[in-house]
Protein backbone atom coordinates (compact mmCIF):
# COMPACT_ATOMS: atom_id res chain seq x y z
CA UNK A 1 -16.23 58.63 19.24
CA UNK A 2 -12.78 60.67 19.18
CA UNK A 3 -13.75 64.20 17.21
CA UNK A 4 -11.10 64.78 14.83
CA UNK A 5 -9.87 68.45 14.52
CA UNK A 6 -9.35 68.92 10.60
CA UNK A 7 -10.16 72.52 10.64
CA UNK A 8 -7.02 74.06 9.29
CA UNK A 9 -7.04 77.18 11.53
CA UNK A 10 -7.37 75.42 14.44
CA UNK A 11 -4.52 73.08 13.67
CA UNK A 12 -2.57 76.23 13.25
CA UNK A 13 -3.41 77.31 16.56
CA UNK A 14 -2.36 74.04 18.45
CA UNK A 15 0.87 73.83 16.33
CA UNK A 16 1.49 77.46 17.92
CA UNK A 17 0.38 75.85 21.35
CA UNK A 18 2.50 72.73 21.02
CA UNK A 19 5.99 74.98 19.96
CA UNK A 20 5.08 77.73 23.34
CA UNK A 21 4.69 73.95 25.63
CA UNK A 22 8.42 72.82 24.00
CA UNK A 23 10.00 76.76 24.78
CA UNK A 24 8.94 76.61 27.98
CA UNK A 25 10.14 73.25 28.98
CA UNK A 26 13.61 74.12 27.34
CA UNK A 27 13.63 77.79 29.25
CA UNK A 28 14.51 78.40 32.97
CA UNK A 29 10.89 79.16 33.55
CA UNK A 30 8.75 77.32 35.73
CA UNK A 31 5.31 76.44 34.40
CA UNK A 32 4.02 77.54 37.53
CA UNK A 33 5.19 81.22 36.48
CA UNK A 34 3.09 81.18 33.52
CA UNK A 35 -0.18 83.03 34.21
CA UNK A 36 -3.16 81.61 31.70
CA UNK A 37 -6.71 82.55 31.78
CA UNK A 38 -8.56 79.38 29.89
CA UNK A 39 -11.90 80.57 28.17
CA UNK A 40 -13.55 77.25 29.42
CA UNK A 41 -13.42 77.71 33.04
CA UNK A 42 -13.61 73.81 33.57
CA UNK A 43 -10.18 73.75 33.02
CA UNK A 44 -7.98 73.40 36.03
CA UNK A 45 -4.91 75.30 35.33
CA UNK A 46 -3.00 74.54 38.59
CA UNK A 47 -3.42 70.83 37.71
CA UNK A 48 -1.61 71.81 33.85
CA UNK A 49 1.16 73.78 35.65
CA UNK A 50 1.67 71.41 38.31
CA UNK A 51 1.99 68.43 35.84
CA UNK A 52 4.55 70.59 33.35
CA UNK A 53 6.45 71.68 36.44
CA UNK A 54 6.95 67.87 37.24
CA UNK A 55 7.95 67.22 33.57
CA UNK A 56 10.86 69.78 33.59
CA UNK A 57 12.32 68.63 37.03
CA UNK A 58 12.20 65.55 35.74
CA UNK A 59 13.95 66.33 31.81
CA UNK A 60 16.42 68.33 34.29
CA UNK A 61 17.65 64.74 36.44
CA UNK A 62 18.05 63.25 33.02
CA UNK A 63 21.60 65.48 32.79
CA UNK A 64 23.29 65.17 36.00
CA UNK A 65 26.97 65.06 35.18
CA UNK A 66 28.32 68.62 34.43
CA UNK A 67 31.55 69.38 32.94
CA UNK A 68 34.40 70.64 34.91
CA UNK A 69 37.46 70.34 32.74
CA UNK A 70 38.39 69.00 29.67
CA UNK A 71 36.48 68.81 25.98
CA UNK A 72 32.96 67.42 26.36
CA UNK A 73 32.13 63.75 25.85
CA UNK A 74 36.45 63.16 25.38
CA UNK A 75 38.62 60.24 27.14
CA UNK A 76 39.72 61.60 30.49
CA UNK A 77 37.34 64.57 30.47
CA UNK A 78 36.19 65.55 34.22
CA UNK A 79 32.45 65.68 35.45
CA UNK A 80 30.87 66.57 38.64
CA UNK A 81 27.80 64.34 39.03
CA UNK A 82 24.71 64.02 40.92
CA UNK A 83 23.94 60.16 40.67
CA UNK A 84 20.84 60.32 42.79
CA UNK A 85 21.55 60.41 46.48
CA UNK A 86 22.50 64.72 46.26
CA UNK A 87 25.90 64.19 46.77
CA UNK A 88 28.51 65.84 44.19
CA UNK A 89 31.25 63.33 43.04
CA UNK A 90 33.96 63.95 40.47
CA UNK A 91 33.75 61.22 37.67
CA UNK A 92 36.02 61.13 34.63
CA UNK A 93 35.03 59.86 31.21
CA UNK A 94 36.97 56.08 30.63
CA UNK A 95 35.33 54.25 27.41
CA UNK A 96 32.40 55.02 25.30
CA UNK A 97 30.50 52.39 23.41
CA UNK A 98 28.06 53.92 21.14
CA UNK A 99 25.63 56.33 23.20
CA UNK A 100 26.63 54.55 26.44
CA UNK A 101 29.76 55.61 28.54
CA UNK A 102 31.73 54.41 31.35
CA UNK A 103 32.85 57.16 33.66
CA UNK A 104 35.37 56.74 36.65
CA UNK A 105 35.04 57.76 40.11
CA UNK A 106 38.00 60.48 41.01
CA UNK A 107 38.84 58.94 44.25
CA UNK A 108 38.18 55.16 45.74
CA UNK A 109 35.16 54.42 48.19
CA UNK A 110 35.58 54.52 51.87
CA UNK A 111 34.79 51.05 52.12
CA UNK A 112 38.43 50.01 53.20
CA UNK A 113 40.83 47.27 51.65
CA UNK A 114 40.19 43.56 50.28
CA UNK A 115 41.27 40.86 48.26
CA UNK A 116 40.72 40.53 44.73
CA UNK A 117 37.75 37.91 45.18
CA UNK A 118 35.69 40.16 47.17
CA UNK A 119 36.45 43.44 45.44
CA UNK A 120 34.96 41.64 42.51
CA UNK A 121 31.62 40.78 44.33
CA UNK A 122 31.56 44.10 46.13
CA UNK A 123 28.52 45.33 43.88
CA UNK A 124 26.44 42.18 43.21
CA UNK A 125 26.54 40.41 47.04
CA UNK A 126 28.29 42.91 49.08
CA UNK A 127 28.30 46.02 50.64
CA UNK A 128 28.17 47.49 47.17
CA UNK A 129 24.38 46.97 46.80
CA UNK A 130 23.33 50.14 49.08
CA UNK A 131 25.59 52.01 46.24
CA UNK A 132 22.92 50.27 43.62
CA UNK A 133 20.10 51.54 45.43
CA UNK A 134 21.45 54.72 46.38
CA UNK A 135 22.59 55.92 42.82
CA UNK A 136 19.60 55.46 40.95
CA UNK A 137 20.33 57.91 38.22
CA UNK A 138 23.39 54.98 36.70
CA UNK A 139 22.88 52.11 34.68
CA UNK A 140 25.18 49.80 36.20
CA UNK A 141 27.82 50.15 38.60
CA UNK A 142 30.92 48.09 38.62
CA UNK A 143 34.42 47.92 38.54
CA UNK A 144 36.61 48.89 36.00
CA UNK A 145 38.40 46.61 33.50
CA UNK A 146 41.80 46.03 33.17
CA UNK A 147 41.63 46.73 29.23
CA UNK A 148 39.76 49.75 29.71
CA UNK A 149 42.80 51.38 31.87
CA UNK A 150 45.25 49.81 29.67
CA UNK A 151 43.24 51.30 26.28
CA UNK A 152 43.68 54.86 27.81
CA UNK A 153 47.26 54.47 28.24
CA UNK A 154 48.17 52.73 25.37
CA UNK A 155 49.91 49.49 26.75
CA UNK A 156 47.38 46.78 25.89
CA UNK A 157 50.34 44.54 25.21
CA UNK A 158 50.95 44.10 28.77
CA UNK A 159 47.72 42.17 30.00
CA UNK A 160 49.48 39.09 28.00
CA UNK A 161 52.80 39.59 30.02
CA UNK A 162 53.39 37.37 33.36
CA UNK A 163 51.81 38.66 36.89
CA UNK A 164 54.32 40.27 39.59
CA UNK A 165 55.19 43.35 37.32
CA UNK A 166 54.27 46.93 37.03
CA UNK A 167 53.90 48.95 33.82
CA UNK A 168 54.36 52.89 34.05
CA UNK A 169 51.69 54.61 32.76
CA UNK A 170 53.71 57.53 31.23
CA UNK A 171 56.61 55.62 29.76
CA UNK A 172 54.57 52.38 29.17
CA UNK A 173 57.74 50.57 30.36
CA UNK A 174 58.15 47.59 32.58
CA UNK A 175 59.38 48.36 35.95
CA UNK A 176 60.54 45.88 38.56
CA UNK A 177 62.68 47.57 40.86
CA UNK A 178 61.43 49.71 43.97
CA UNK A 179 60.10 52.22 43.89
CA UNK A 180 59.38 50.95 39.82
CA UNK A 181 58.39 54.39 38.59
CA UNK A 182 60.60 57.09 38.07
CA UNK A 183 60.12 60.04 40.26
CA UNK A 184 59.89 62.48 37.26
CA UNK A 185 57.07 60.19 36.15
CA UNK A 186 55.20 60.67 39.29
CA UNK A 187 55.34 64.85 38.78
CA UNK A 188 53.15 63.94 35.39
CA UNK A 189 49.90 64.58 35.45
CA UNK A 190 48.44 63.19 32.32
CA UNK A 191 47.44 60.15 33.94
CA UNK A 192 47.04 61.18 37.54
CA UNK A 193 42.97 60.99 37.54
CA UNK A 194 43.70 56.95 36.78
CA UNK A 195 45.91 56.63 40.04
CA UNK A 196 45.46 54.85 43.18
CA UNK A 197 45.24 51.74 44.67
CA UNK A 198 42.46 49.88 43.17
CA UNK A 199 41.23 46.35 42.02
CA UNK A 200 40.01 46.37 37.98
CA UNK A 201 37.41 43.66 37.81
CA UNK A 202 39.93 41.32 35.59
CA UNK A 203 41.80 37.98 36.64
CA UNK A 204 45.23 37.81 35.23
CA UNK A 205 45.23 35.06 32.22
CA UNK A 206 47.04 32.70 34.65
CA UNK A 207 44.26 32.66 37.05
CA UNK A 208 46.55 33.41 40.03
CA UNK A 209 46.76 37.14 40.27
CA UNK A 210 44.20 39.98 39.49
CA UNK A 211 45.09 43.21 37.91
CA UNK A 212 45.29 46.30 39.79
CA UNK A 213 46.25 50.28 39.92
CA UNK A 214 48.72 51.49 41.70
CA UNK A 215 49.78 55.05 42.83
CA UNK A 216 52.78 55.29 41.01
CA UNK A 217 50.71 55.24 38.53
CA UNK A 218 50.67 51.99 36.78
CA UNK A 219 48.70 48.96 35.91
CA UNK A 220 50.27 45.47 37.78
CA UNK A 221 49.11 41.71 38.08
CA UNK A 222 49.03 40.96 41.91
CA UNK A 223 49.47 37.46 42.95
CA UNK A 224 46.73 36.05 45.25
CA UNK A 225 49.61 33.96 47.06
CA UNK A 226 50.87 37.21 48.51
CA UNK A 227 47.48 38.17 50.23
CA UNK A 228 47.18 41.33 48.18
CA UNK A 229 44.55 43.90 48.79
CA UNK A 230 43.35 46.60 47.64
CA UNK A 231 40.44 49.67 47.35
CA UNK A 232 37.21 49.98 45.66
CA UNK A 233 36.98 52.46 42.80
CA UNK A 234 33.57 52.52 41.06
CA UNK A 235 32.75 52.85 37.29
CA UNK A 236 29.64 54.11 36.25
CA UNK A 237 27.69 53.66 33.25
CA UNK A 238 25.61 56.12 31.97
CA UNK A 239 23.95 57.52 28.60
CA UNK A 240 25.53 60.07 26.45
CA UNK A 241 22.56 62.47 27.15
CA UNK A 242 23.22 62.16 31.18
CA UNK A 243 26.20 64.60 30.26
CA UNK A 244 26.31 68.33 29.73
CA UNK A 245 28.36 71.52 29.56
């Protein structure tokens, strides 16, 4: 039978111990830095210290994206993340859904270019499965959606337009002449974190093209009949708690 402590003095002491342990976990100290001589020599203090250190390390690992620029938890803010492979990479907040956050990497993966079908399947059946194993801290790895990109820029109406057109981010206009987006727009830094040649996971509603982001920067529907190829820019899903200032 378990022994229930009803003595108010003992309960008060236990409360102090609990608060002390919480403070230790939240501080920069390791449990091994704390010395304690138990009254009962049967206590194995080293094991307790080791357990607390492992717990603190586990807590720290759950917060793996540190703010580098922008406002904490705001769209477009830049974070430096260690996704589980001990390599630091830059990610930007792309969208939020409650306590879940989608973040897009600041550059394309070094995997070359591919057609849209291969890109859509990259993380499920392609070489991208390795990233799922290595980036063990994240909840999900995927491509961005055309809607996510369009929402950030404010050009959601283009998703119902015909394919093979370029919609520039800054002036939100349909430009169909080379070089499409003006030089002055290319110098604008507002959407630089999104630009680059990569596929979204979205098929154009005609079924004949895939939505992709260009270097201009802009969003365009690229016809499959033209043999278009582009690269991969991953989006990760993480918990809000994983991000810190």
